[in-house]
Amino acid sequence: MTARRQQLANAHHEAGHFVVALASGFRPMLLSLRPLPPYRSGPFVSAPGPRHTYRQVRAHAVTAAAGLMAELRAGLASSDTMAGARNDLKQARKAARQLCGRRWRLALDRYVGAARMEVDRLWPAISALADESMRFPRIEARHAYLVIRRALGERHLGGALERMRRGKARRRRLRRELARYAAGRRRR
């Protein structure tokens, strides 16, 4: 596999994680094709947040499997990329075991199928974000959200972008109220 093809496979892999994580309700902060030492060795998408409820654990498993499904959809999967996806599948397997106990294999098949459906549904956004990440190897969330919105609009993401905007407005409003409150307390 040539270096350019490997980079394109990584771009699709990480874009798949990012877009499916956003559609699943996570708030990914960064898409990077560069390793970020010292705690990571490969390209990744950071999606913080606890995963305790059934829905959150399922969303995490689907997001973990989405990278490999995006590579397969783009026709870029090879033995090299499968080695990189091993950790993602391990995370999905762990989530399946957490939810289903002994029947984890059946659950894992369901999660991989759900990831494939999500990747097919969100393919225009994944492809656009992969192309953008080939130009810019490190993309902040705002930039990625604009690329996704351009590719398929907000309706396909279940209003995730609108919720993010409302959350920012709410935080700004709270900061203003706290500043007014603090200013009033200082005068006394």
N, C-alpha and C. Protein backbone atom coordinates (compact mmCIF):
# COMPACT_ATOMS: atom_id res chain seq x y z
N MET A 1 0.85 -1.18 0.00
CA MET A 1 0.00 0.00 0.00
C MET A 1 0.90 1.25 0.00
N THR A 2 0.63 2.15 -0.93
CA THR A 2 1.45 3.36 -1.02
C THR A 2 1.16 4.28 0.16
N ALA A 3 2.06 5.21 0.38
CA ALA A 3 1.91 6.15 1.51
C ALA A 3 0.67 7.02 1.32
N ARG A 4 0.41 7.45 0.09
CA ARG A 4 -0.77 8.30 -0.18
C ARG A 4 -2.06 7.52 0.08
N ARG A 5 -2.10 6.28 -0.36
CA ARG A 5 -3.29 5.45 -0.14
C ARG A 5 -3.49 5.17 1.36
N GLN A 6 -2.40 4.95 2.08
CA GLN A 6 -2.48 4.72 3.53
C GLN A 6 -3.02 5.98 4.24
N GLN A 7 -2.54 7.15 3.80
CA GLN A 7 -3.02 8.39 4.40
C GLN A 7 -4.50 8.61 4.09
N LEU A 8 -4.91 8.27 2.89
CA LEU A 8 -6.32 8.40 2.52
C LEU A 8 -7.18 7.43 3.34
N ALA A 9 -6.68 6.22 3.56
CA ALA A 9 -7.41 5.25 4.39
C ALA A 9 -7.53 5.77 5.82
N ASN A 10 -6.45 6.35 6.37
CA ASN A 10 -6.51 6.92 7.72
C ASN A 10 -7.50 8.07 7.78
N ALA A 11 -7.52 8.90 6.74
CA ALA A 11 -8.44 10.04 6.71
C ALA A 11 -9.89 9.56 6.73
N HIS A 12 -10.22 8.55 5.93
CA HIS A 12 -11.59 8.03 5.93
C HIS A 12 -11.92 7.37 7.27
N HIS A 13 -10.96 6.66 7.82
CA HIS A 13 -11.16 5.98 9.11
C HIS A 13 -11.51 7.00 10.20
N GLU A 14 -10.70 8.04 10.32
CA GLU A 14 -10.93 9.04 11.37
C GLU A 14 -12.17 9.89 11.11
N ALA A 15 -12.43 10.18 9.84
CA ALA A 15 -13.65 10.92 9.50
C ALA A 15 -14.89 10.10 9.85
N GLY A 16 -14.82 8.79 9.63
CA GLY A 16 -15.94 7.92 10.01
C GLY A 16 -16.19 7.97 11.50
N HIS A 17 -15.11 7.89 12.30
CA HIS A 17 -15.27 8.02 13.75
C HIS A 17 -15.90 9.35 14.12
N PHE A 18 -15.40 10.43 13.54
CA PHE A 18 -15.83 11.78 13.92
C PHE A 18 -17.31 12.00 13.61
N VAL A 19 -17.72 11.70 12.39
CA VAL A 19 -19.09 11.99 11.96
C VAL A 19 -20.09 11.09 12.70
N VAL A 20 -19.77 9.83 12.86
CA VAL A 20 -20.70 8.92 13.57
C VAL A 20 -20.75 9.28 15.06
N ALA A 21 -19.61 9.70 15.63
CA ALA A 21 -19.63 10.14 17.03
C ALA A 21 -20.53 11.36 17.20
N LEU A 22 -20.45 12.29 16.28
CA LEU A 22 -21.30 13.48 16.34
C LEU A 22 -22.77 13.11 16.20
N ALA A 23 -23.06 12.22 15.26
CA ALA A 23 -24.45 11.79 15.06
C ALA A 23 -24.97 10.98 16.25
N SER A 24 -24.06 10.33 16.99
CA SER A 24 -24.47 9.51 18.14
C SER A 24 -24.66 10.33 19.41
N GLY A 25 -24.33 11.60 19.36
CA GLY A 25 -24.55 12.44 20.52
C GLY A 25 -23.28 12.81 21.28
N PHE A 26 -22.13 12.29 20.84
CA PHE A 26 -20.88 12.72 21.46
C PHE A 26 -20.49 14.07 20.87
N ARG A 27 -19.56 14.73 21.51
CA ARG A 27 -19.05 15.99 20.98
C ARG A 27 -17.55 15.86 20.72
N PRO A 28 -17.20 15.30 19.57
CA PRO A 28 -15.77 15.17 19.26
C PRO A 28 -15.14 16.56 19.18
N MET A 29 -13.93 16.70 19.70
CA MET A 29 -13.29 18.00 19.75
C MET A 29 -12.22 18.18 18.69
N LEU A 30 -11.68 17.10 18.17
CA LEU A 30 -10.52 17.20 17.30
C LEU A 30 -10.46 16.00 16.38
N LEU A 31 -10.12 16.25 15.11
CA LEU A 31 -9.82 15.17 14.19
C LEU A 31 -8.37 15.36 13.78
N SER A 32 -7.54 14.37 14.06
CA SER A 32 -6.12 14.50 13.77
C SER A 32 -5.60 13.25 13.09
N LEU A 33 -4.84 13.46 12.02
CA LEU A 33 -4.17 12.34 11.36
C LEU A 33 -2.74 12.18 11.86
N ARG A 34 -2.32 13.10 12.68
CA ARG A 34 -0.97 13.04 13.26
C ARG A 34 -1.04 12.43 14.64
N PRO A 35 -0.04 11.66 15.00
CA PRO A 35 0.00 11.16 16.38
C PRO A 35 0.22 12.31 17.35
N LEU A 36 -0.43 12.22 18.51
CA LEU A 36 -0.27 13.26 19.53
C LEU A 36 0.42 12.64 20.73
N PRO A 37 1.74 12.71 20.79
CA PRO A 37 2.47 12.08 21.89
C PRO A 37 2.18 12.79 23.20
N PRO A 38 2.41 12.22 24.34
CA PRO A 38 3.00 10.91 24.54
C PRO A 38 1.96 9.83 24.74
N TYR A 39 0.68 10.14 24.80
CA TYR A 39 -0.30 9.14 25.21
C TYR A 39 -0.99 8.45 24.06
N ARG A 40 -0.79 8.86 22.84
CA ARG A 40 -1.41 8.19 21.69
C ARG A 40 -0.34 7.91 20.66
N SER A 41 -0.48 6.82 19.94
CA SER A 41 0.53 6.50 18.95
C SER A 41 0.00 6.60 17.53
N GLY A 42 -1.30 6.71 17.33
CA GLY A 42 -1.83 6.74 15.98
C GLY A 42 -2.85 7.83 15.80
N PRO A 43 -3.39 7.96 14.60
CA PRO A 43 -4.41 8.95 14.34
C PRO A 43 -5.65 8.65 15.18
N PHE A 44 -6.35 9.65 15.59
CA PHE A 44 -7.51 9.41 16.44
C PHE A 44 -8.50 10.56 16.40
N VAL A 45 -9.67 10.31 16.94
CA VAL A 45 -10.68 11.33 17.19
C VAL A 45 -10.94 11.31 18.67
N SER A 46 -10.85 12.44 19.31
CA SER A 46 -11.12 12.46 20.75
C SER A 46 -12.60 12.72 20.95
N ALA A 47 -13.26 11.87 21.69
CA ALA A 47 -14.68 12.01 21.99
C ALA A 47 -14.86 11.80 23.49
N PRO A 48 -14.74 12.84 24.27
CA PRO A 48 -14.79 12.67 25.72
C PRO A 48 -16.20 12.40 26.23
N GLY A 49 -16.30 11.96 27.45
CA GLY A 49 -17.60 11.77 28.09
C GLY A 49 -17.76 10.38 28.66
N PRO A 50 -18.51 10.28 29.74
CA PRO A 50 -18.75 8.96 30.34
C PRO A 50 -19.69 8.13 29.46
N ARG A 51 -19.56 6.82 29.54
CA ARG A 51 -20.41 5.93 28.74
C ARG A 51 -21.03 4.91 29.68
N HIS A 52 -22.07 5.30 30.39
CA HIS A 52 -22.63 4.41 31.40
C HIS A 52 -23.98 3.81 31.03
N THR A 53 -24.85 4.58 30.40
CA THR A 53 -26.16 4.04 30.07
C THR A 53 -26.07 3.10 28.87
N TYR A 54 -27.11 2.33 28.66
CA TYR A 54 -27.15 1.39 27.53
C TYR A 54 -26.94 2.15 26.23
N ARG A 55 -27.65 3.26 26.09
CA ARG A 55 -27.57 4.03 24.86
C ARG A 55 -26.16 4.56 24.61
N GLN A 56 -25.52 5.04 25.67
CA GLN A 56 -24.17 5.60 25.53
C GLN A 56 -23.15 4.50 25.19
N VAL A 57 -23.28 3.36 25.83
CA VAL A 57 -22.34 2.26 25.55
C VAL A 57 -22.53 1.76 24.12
N ARG A 58 -23.78 1.65 23.69
CA ARG A 58 -24.06 1.22 22.32
C ARG A 58 -23.50 2.25 21.33
N ALA A 59 -23.71 3.53 21.61
CA ALA A 59 -23.19 4.58 20.73
C ALA A 59 -21.67 4.53 20.65
N HIS A 60 -21.04 4.23 21.78
CA HIS A 60 -19.58 4.12 21.78
C HIS A 60 -19.12 2.94 20.93
N ALA A 61 -19.81 1.81 21.02
CA ALA A 61 -19.44 0.63 20.23
C ALA A 61 -19.64 0.90 18.73
N VAL A 62 -20.74 1.55 18.38
CA VAL A 62 -21.01 1.86 16.97
C VAL A 62 -19.96 2.85 16.45
N THR A 63 -19.60 3.84 17.27
CA THR A 63 -18.59 4.82 16.87
C THR A 63 -17.23 4.14 16.68
N ALA A 64 -16.90 3.20 17.55
CA ALA A 64 -15.62 2.50 17.45
C ALA A 64 -15.54 1.68 16.16
N ALA A 65 -16.65 1.08 15.75
CA ALA A 65 -16.65 0.26 14.54
C ALA A 65 -16.79 1.09 13.26
N ALA A 66 -17.18 2.36 13.40
CA ALA A 66 -17.45 3.19 12.22
C ALA A 66 -16.21 3.48 11.39
N GLY A 67 -15.06 3.57 12.03
CA GLY A 67 -13.83 3.87 11.28
C GLY A 67 -13.52 2.80 10.24
N LEU A 68 -13.57 1.55 10.68
CA LEU A 68 -13.30 0.45 9.76
C LEU A 68 -14.37 0.36 8.68
N MET A 69 -15.63 0.60 9.04
CA MET A 69 -16.71 0.56 8.06
C MET A 69 -16.53 1.65 7.00
N ALA A 70 -16.03 2.82 7.41
CA ALA A 70 -15.78 3.90 6.45
C ALA A 70 -14.65 3.52 5.48
N GLU A 71 -13.62 2.88 6.00
CA GLU A 71 -12.54 2.41 5.13
C GLU A 71 -13.06 1.39 4.12
N LEU A 72 -13.88 0.46 4.59
CA LEU A 72 -14.45 -0.55 3.69
C LEU A 72 -15.33 0.10 2.63
N ARG A 73 -16.12 1.08 3.04
CA ARG A 73 -17.02 1.78 2.11
C ARG A 73 -16.23 2.51 1.03
N ALA A 74 -15.07 3.07 1.42
CA ALA A 74 -14.22 3.79 0.47
C ALA A 74 -13.39 2.84 -0.39
N GLY A 75 -13.36 1.55 -0.03
CA GLY A 75 -12.58 0.58 -0.78
C GLY A 75 -11.09 0.67 -0.51
N LEU A 76 -10.74 1.14 0.70
CA LEU A 76 -9.34 1.35 1.04
C LEU A 76 -8.82 0.40 2.10
N ALA A 77 -9.62 -0.56 2.53
CA ALA A 77 -9.21 -1.47 3.60
C ALA A 77 -8.18 -2.46 3.08
N SER A 78 -7.16 -2.70 3.87
CA SER A 78 -6.13 -3.69 3.54
C SER A 78 -5.65 -4.31 4.84
N SER A 79 -4.69 -5.20 4.74
CA SER A 79 -4.18 -5.83 5.96
C SER A 79 -3.48 -4.80 6.86
N ASP A 80 -2.89 -3.76 6.26
CA ASP A 80 -2.26 -2.70 7.06
C ASP A 80 -3.29 -1.95 7.88
N THR A 81 -4.41 -1.60 7.27
CA THR A 81 -5.43 -0.83 7.98
C THR A 81 -6.17 -1.69 8.99
N MET A 82 -6.28 -2.99 8.71
CA MET A 82 -6.93 -3.87 9.67
C MET A 82 -6.15 -3.94 10.98
N ALA A 83 -4.83 -3.88 10.86
CA ALA A 83 -4.00 -3.89 12.07
C ALA A 83 -4.28 -2.64 12.90
N GLY A 84 -4.51 -1.51 12.25
CA GLY A 84 -4.81 -0.28 12.96
C GLY A 84 -6.21 -0.28 13.56
N ALA A 85 -7.13 -1.00 12.96
CA ALA A 85 -8.51 -1.03 13.44
C ALA A 85 -8.70 -2.05 14.57
N ARG A 86 -7.68 -2.81 14.88
CA ARG A 86 -7.80 -3.84 15.91
C ARG A 86 -8.20 -3.23 17.26
N ASN A 87 -7.61 -2.10 17.62
CA ASN A 87 -7.94 -1.46 18.89
C ASN A 87 -9.39 -0.98 18.91
N ASP A 88 -9.87 -0.46 17.77
CA ASP A 88 -11.27 -0.01 17.69
C ASP A 88 -12.22 -1.19 17.89
N LEU A 89 -11.94 -2.30 17.25
CA LEU A 89 -12.80 -3.48 17.40
C LEU A 89 -12.72 -4.04 18.81
N LYS A 90 -11.56 -3.90 19.45
CA LYS A 90 -11.42 -4.33 20.83
C LYS A 90 -12.32 -3.49 21.75
N GLN A 91 -12.41 -2.18 21.48
CA GLN A 91 -13.29 -1.31 22.25
C GLN A 91 -14.76 -1.68 22.04
N ALA A 92 -15.12 -1.98 20.79
CA ALA A 92 -16.50 -2.37 20.50
C ALA A 92 -16.83 -3.70 21.19
N ARG A 93 -15.87 -4.64 21.18
CA ARG A 93 -16.07 -5.93 21.84
C ARG A 93 -16.26 -5.74 23.35
N LYS A 94 -15.46 -4.86 23.93
CA LYS A 94 -15.58 -4.59 25.37
C LYS A 94 -16.95 -4.01 25.71
N ALA A 95 -17.45 -3.12 24.88
CA ALA A 95 -18.78 -2.55 25.10
C ALA A 95 -19.85 -3.63 24.96
N ALA A 96 -19.70 -4.52 23.97
CA ALA A 96 -20.67 -5.60 23.79
C ALA A 96 -20.68 -6.54 24.98
N ARG A 97 -19.50 -6.84 25.51
CA ARG A 97 -19.44 -7.70 26.71
C ARG A 97 -20.07 -7.02 27.91
N GLN A 98 -19.86 -5.70 28.02
CA GLN A 98 -20.42 -4.96 29.15
C GLN A 98 -21.94 -4.99 29.11
N LEU A 99 -22.51 -4.93 27.92
CA LEU A 99 -23.96 -4.87 27.80
C LEU A 99 -24.63 -6.24 27.78
N CYS A 100 -24.00 -7.20 27.13
CA CYS A 100 -24.70 -8.46 26.84
C CYS A 100 -24.11 -9.69 27.49
N GLY A 101 -23.03 -9.57 28.20
CA GLY A 101 -22.47 -10.73 28.87
C GLY A 101 -22.01 -11.79 27.90
N ARG A 102 -22.57 -13.00 28.05
CA ARG A 102 -22.13 -14.14 27.23
C ARG A 102 -22.54 -14.04 25.77
N ARG A 103 -23.59 -13.29 25.50
CA ARG A 103 -24.06 -13.18 24.11
C ARG A 103 -23.41 -11.99 23.39
N TRP A 104 -22.19 -11.66 23.74
CA TRP A 104 -21.53 -10.47 23.21
C TRP A 104 -21.24 -10.57 21.72
N ARG A 105 -21.04 -11.79 21.20
CA ARG A 105 -20.74 -11.92 19.77
C ARG A 105 -21.92 -11.46 18.91
N LEU A 106 -23.12 -11.85 19.31
CA LEU A 106 -24.31 -11.41 18.59
C LEU A 106 -24.47 -9.90 18.67
N ALA A 107 -24.22 -9.34 19.86
CA ALA A 107 -24.31 -7.90 20.04
C ALA A 107 -23.27 -7.18 19.19
N LEU A 108 -22.06 -7.72 19.14
CA LEU A 108 -21.00 -7.10 18.33
C LEU A 108 -21.39 -7.08 16.86
N ASP A 109 -22.00 -8.17 16.38
CA ASP A 109 -22.47 -8.20 14.99
C ASP A 109 -23.51 -7.10 14.75
N ARG A 110 -24.41 -6.92 15.72
CA ARG A 110 -25.42 -5.87 15.60
C ARG A 110 -24.78 -4.49 15.57
N TYR A 111 -23.78 -4.25 16.41
CA TYR A 111 -23.12 -2.94 16.47
C TYR A 111 -22.36 -2.65 15.18
N VAL A 112 -21.69 -3.67 14.64
CA VAL A 112 -20.97 -3.48 13.38
C VAL A 112 -21.97 -3.21 12.25
N GLY A 113 -23.11 -3.90 12.26
CA GLY A 113 -24.16 -3.64 11.27
C GLY A 113 -24.72 -2.24 11.42
N ALA A 114 -24.92 -1.79 12.65
CA ALA A 114 -25.41 -0.44 12.88
C ALA A 114 -24.39 0.59 12.42
N ALA A 115 -23.10 0.30 12.63
CA ALA A 115 -22.05 1.21 12.18
C ALA A 115 -22.05 1.30 10.66
N ARG A 116 -22.23 0.17 10.01
CA ARG A 116 -22.26 0.18 8.54
C ARG A 116 -23.45 1.00 8.02
N MET A 117 -24.60 0.87 8.67
CA MET A 117 -25.77 1.66 8.26
C MET A 117 -25.54 3.15 8.48
N GLU A 118 -24.93 3.50 9.63
CA GLU A 118 -24.64 4.92 9.91
C GLU A 118 -23.65 5.48 8.90
N VAL A 119 -22.63 4.70 8.57
CA VAL A 119 -21.64 5.16 7.59
C VAL A 119 -22.31 5.36 6.22
N ASP A 120 -23.18 4.44 5.82
CA ASP A 120 -23.89 4.61 4.55
C ASP A 120 -24.78 5.85 4.57
N ARG A 121 -25.46 6.08 5.68
CA ARG A 121 -26.36 7.23 5.80
C ARG A 121 -25.60 8.55 5.78
N LEU A 122 -24.43 8.57 6.40
CA LEU A 122 -23.66 9.80 6.55
C LEU A 122 -22.46 9.87 5.60
N TRP A 123 -22.46 9.04 4.56
CA TRP A 123 -21.30 8.95 3.69
C TRP A 123 -20.88 10.28 3.06
N PRO A 124 -21.80 11.12 2.57
CA PRO A 124 -21.33 12.39 1.98
C PRO A 124 -20.51 13.23 2.97
N ALA A 125 -20.90 13.26 4.22
CA ALA A 125 -20.16 14.03 5.23
C ALA A 125 -18.82 13.38 5.53
N ILE A 126 -18.79 12.05 5.63
CA ILE A 126 -17.54 11.36 5.92
C ILE A 126 -16.54 11.57 4.79
N SER A 127 -17.01 11.47 3.56
CA SER A 127 -16.14 11.65 2.40
C SER A 127 -15.60 13.09 2.35
N ALA A 128 -16.48 14.06 2.59
CA ALA A 128 -16.05 15.47 2.55
C ALA A 128 -15.04 15.76 3.67
N LEU A 129 -15.28 15.21 4.85
CA LEU A 129 -14.37 15.45 5.97
C LEU A 129 -13.03 14.74 5.73
N ALA A 130 -13.04 13.58 5.11
CA ALA A 130 -11.79 12.88 4.78
C ALA A 130 -10.98 13.69 3.77
N ASP A 131 -11.66 14.24 2.77
CA ASP A 131 -10.96 15.08 1.78
C ASP A 131 -10.36 16.32 2.45
N GLU A 132 -11.12 16.91 3.36
CA GLU A 132 -10.63 18.09 4.07
C GLU A 132 -9.45 17.75 4.97
N SER A 133 -9.49 16.58 5.60
CA SER A 133 -8.38 16.21 6.47
C SER A 133 -7.13 15.83 5.69
N MET A 134 -7.27 15.54 4.41
CA MET A 134 -6.08 15.35 3.58
C MET A 134 -5.38 16.69 3.35
N ARG A 135 -6.15 17.76 3.29
CA ARG A 135 -5.57 19.10 3.14
C ARG A 135 -5.03 19.63 4.46
N PHE A 136 -5.78 19.40 5.55
CA PHE A 136 -5.40 19.88 6.88
C PHE A 136 -5.35 18.68 7.82
N PRO A 137 -4.18 18.16 8.16
CA PRO A 137 -4.10 16.94 8.97
C PRO A 137 -4.64 17.08 10.39
N ARG A 138 -4.82 18.30 10.87
CA ARG A 138 -5.39 18.50 12.21
C ARG A 138 -6.55 19.48 12.07
N ILE A 139 -7.76 19.01 12.36
CA ILE A 139 -8.96 19.83 12.18
C ILE A 139 -9.66 19.98 13.53
N GLU A 140 -9.89 21.22 13.91
CA GLU A 140 -10.65 21.50 15.13
C GLU A 140 -12.13 21.24 14.88
N ALA A 141 -12.89 21.11 15.94
CA ALA A 141 -14.30 20.74 15.84
C ALA A 141 -15.11 21.73 14.99
N ARG A 142 -14.90 23.02 15.19
CA ARG A 142 -15.68 24.01 14.45
C ARG A 142 -15.51 23.86 12.95
N HIS A 143 -14.27 23.69 12.53
CA HIS A 143 -13.98 23.51 11.11
C HIS A 143 -14.66 22.25 10.59
N ALA A 144 -14.56 21.17 11.35
CA ALA A 144 -15.19 19.91 10.93
C ALA A 144 -16.71 20.05 10.85
N TYR A 145 -17.32 20.74 11.81
CA TYR A 145 -18.77 20.92 11.79
C TYR A 145 -19.21 21.69 10.54
N LEU A 146 -18.42 22.68 10.14
CA LEU A 146 -18.76 23.45 8.92
C LEU A 146 -18.67 22.56 7.68
N VAL A 147 -17.67 21.71 7.62
CA VAL A 147 -17.53 20.79 6.48
C VAL A 147 -18.72 19.83 6.44
N ILE A 148 -19.10 19.32 7.60
CA ILE A 148 -20.23 18.39 7.66
C ILE A 148 -21.52 19.07 7.26
N ARG A 149 -21.73 20.27 7.76
CA ARG A 149 -22.95 21.01 7.42
C ARG A 149 -23.02 21.27 5.92
N ARG A 150 -21.89 21.65 5.32
CA ARG A 150 -21.87 21.87 3.88
C ARG A 150 -22.20 20.59 3.12
N ALA A 151 -21.72 19.46 3.62
CA ALA A 151 -21.90 18.19 2.91
C ALA A 151 -23.33 17.68 2.96
N LEU A 152 -23.97 17.75 4.13
CA LEU A 152 -25.32 17.17 4.18
C LEU A 152 -26.34 17.94 4.98
N GLY A 153 -25.98 19.06 5.48
CA GLY A 153 -26.97 19.85 6.21
C GLY A 153 -27.21 19.28 7.59
N GLU A 154 -27.99 19.97 8.36
CA GLU A 154 -28.17 19.62 9.76
C GLU A 154 -29.19 18.51 9.99
N ARG A 155 -30.10 18.34 9.07
CA ARG A 155 -31.21 17.41 9.31
C ARG A 155 -30.74 15.97 9.53
N HIS A 156 -29.63 15.56 8.89
CA HIS A 156 -29.17 14.19 9.01
C HIS A 156 -28.46 13.89 10.31
N LEU A 157 -28.03 14.91 11.01
CA LEU A 157 -27.30 14.69 12.26
C LEU A 157 -28.21 14.74 13.47
N GLY A 158 -29.50 14.76 13.25
CA GLY A 158 -30.42 14.75 14.38
C GLY A 158 -30.35 16.02 15.21
N GLY A 159 -30.01 17.14 14.59
CA GLY A 159 -29.96 18.41 15.31
C GLY A 159 -28.75 18.56 16.21
N ALA A 160 -27.72 17.73 16.03
CA ALA A 160 -26.54 17.79 16.92
C ALA A 160 -25.86 19.15 16.84
N LEU A 161 -25.79 19.71 15.64
CA LEU A 161 -25.15 21.02 15.50
C LEU A 161 -25.97 22.10 16.18
N GLU A 162 -27.29 22.01 16.05
CA GLU A 162 -28.15 23.01 16.71
C GLU A 162 -28.06 22.90 18.22
N ARG A 163 -28.00 21.67 18.75
CA ARG A 163 -27.84 21.50 20.20
C ARG A 163 -26.52 22.08 20.68
N MET A 164 -25.47 21.89 19.86
CA MET A 164 -24.17 22.44 20.24
C MET A 164 -24.24 23.97 20.28
N ARG A 165 -24.89 24.59 19.29
CA ARG A 165 -25.02 26.05 19.26
C ARG A 165 -25.81 26.55 20.45
N ARG A 166 -26.92 25.86 20.76
CA ARG A 166 -27.73 26.28 21.91
C ARG A 166 -26.95 26.15 23.20
N GLY A 167 -26.14 25.10 23.32
CA GLY A 167 -25.33 24.92 24.51
C GLY A 167 -24.32 26.04 24.68
N LYS A 168 -23.73 26.49 23.57
CA LYS A 168 -22.78 27.61 23.63
C LYS A 168 -23.50 28.88 24.05
N ALA A 169 -24.68 29.12 23.48
CA ALA A 169 -25.43 30.33 23.85
C ALA A 169 -25.81 30.30 25.33
N ARG A 170 -26.20 29.13 25.81
CA ARG A 170 -26.56 29.00 27.23
C ARG A 170 -25.36 29.27 28.12
N ARG A 171 -24.20 28.73 27.74
CA ARG A 171 -22.99 28.98 28.53
C ARG A 171 -22.61 30.45 28.53
N ARG A 172 -22.74 31.13 27.37
CA ARG A 172 -22.45 32.56 27.31
C ARG A 172 -23.38 33.35 28.21
N ARG A 173 -24.67 33.00 28.18
CA ARG A 173 -25.67 33.68 29.01
C ARG A 173 -25.35 33.49 30.49
N LEU A 174 -24.99 32.27 30.87
CA LEU A 174 -24.63 32.02 32.28
C LEU A 174 -23.39 32.80 32.68
N ARG A 175 -22.40 32.87 31.79
CA ARG A 175 -21.20 33.64 32.11
C ARG A 175 -21.52 35.11 32.34
N ARG A 176 -22.40 35.68 31.49
CA ARG A 176 -22.81 37.08 31.67
C ARG A 176 -23.53 37.29 32.98
N GLU A 177 -24.44 36.36 33.29
CA GLU A 177 -25.17 36.49 34.56
C GLU A 177 -24.23 36.39 35.75
N LEU A 178 -23.27 35.47 35.69
CA LEU A 178 -22.30 35.35 36.79
C LEU A 178 -21.44 36.61 36.91
N ALA A 179 -21.07 37.20 35.77
CA ALA A 179 -20.27 38.43 35.81
C ALA A 179 -21.08 39.57 36.43
N ARG A 180 -22.37 39.67 36.05
CA ARG A 180 -23.22 40.71 36.66
C ARG A 180 -23.36 40.49 38.15
N TYR A 181 -23.56 39.25 38.54
CA TYR A 181 -23.70 38.92 39.96
C TYR A 181 -22.43 39.26 40.72
N ALA A 182 -21.28 38.89 40.15
CA ALA A 182 -20.00 39.19 40.80
C ALA A 182 -19.76 40.69 40.89
N ALA A 183 -20.14 41.44 39.83
CA ALA A 183 -19.98 42.89 39.86
C ALA A 183 -20.86 43.50 40.93
N GLY A 184 -22.08 43.00 41.09
CA GLY A 184 -23.00 43.51 42.12
C GLY A 184 -22.47 43.21 43.51
N ARG A 185 -21.87 42.08 43.71
CA ARG A 185 -21.33 41.72 45.03
C ARG A 185 -20.12 42.58 45.39
N ARG A 186 -19.34 42.95 44.37
CA ARG A 186 -18.15 43.78 44.65
C ARG A 186 -18.53 45.18 45.09
N ARG A 187 -19.65 45.69 44.57
CA ARG A 187 -20.09 47.05 44.92
C ARG A 187 -20.52 47.14 46.37
N ARG A 188 -21.03 46.05 46.92
CA ARG A 188 -21.55 46.08 48.30
C ARG A 188 -20.50 46.14 49.31
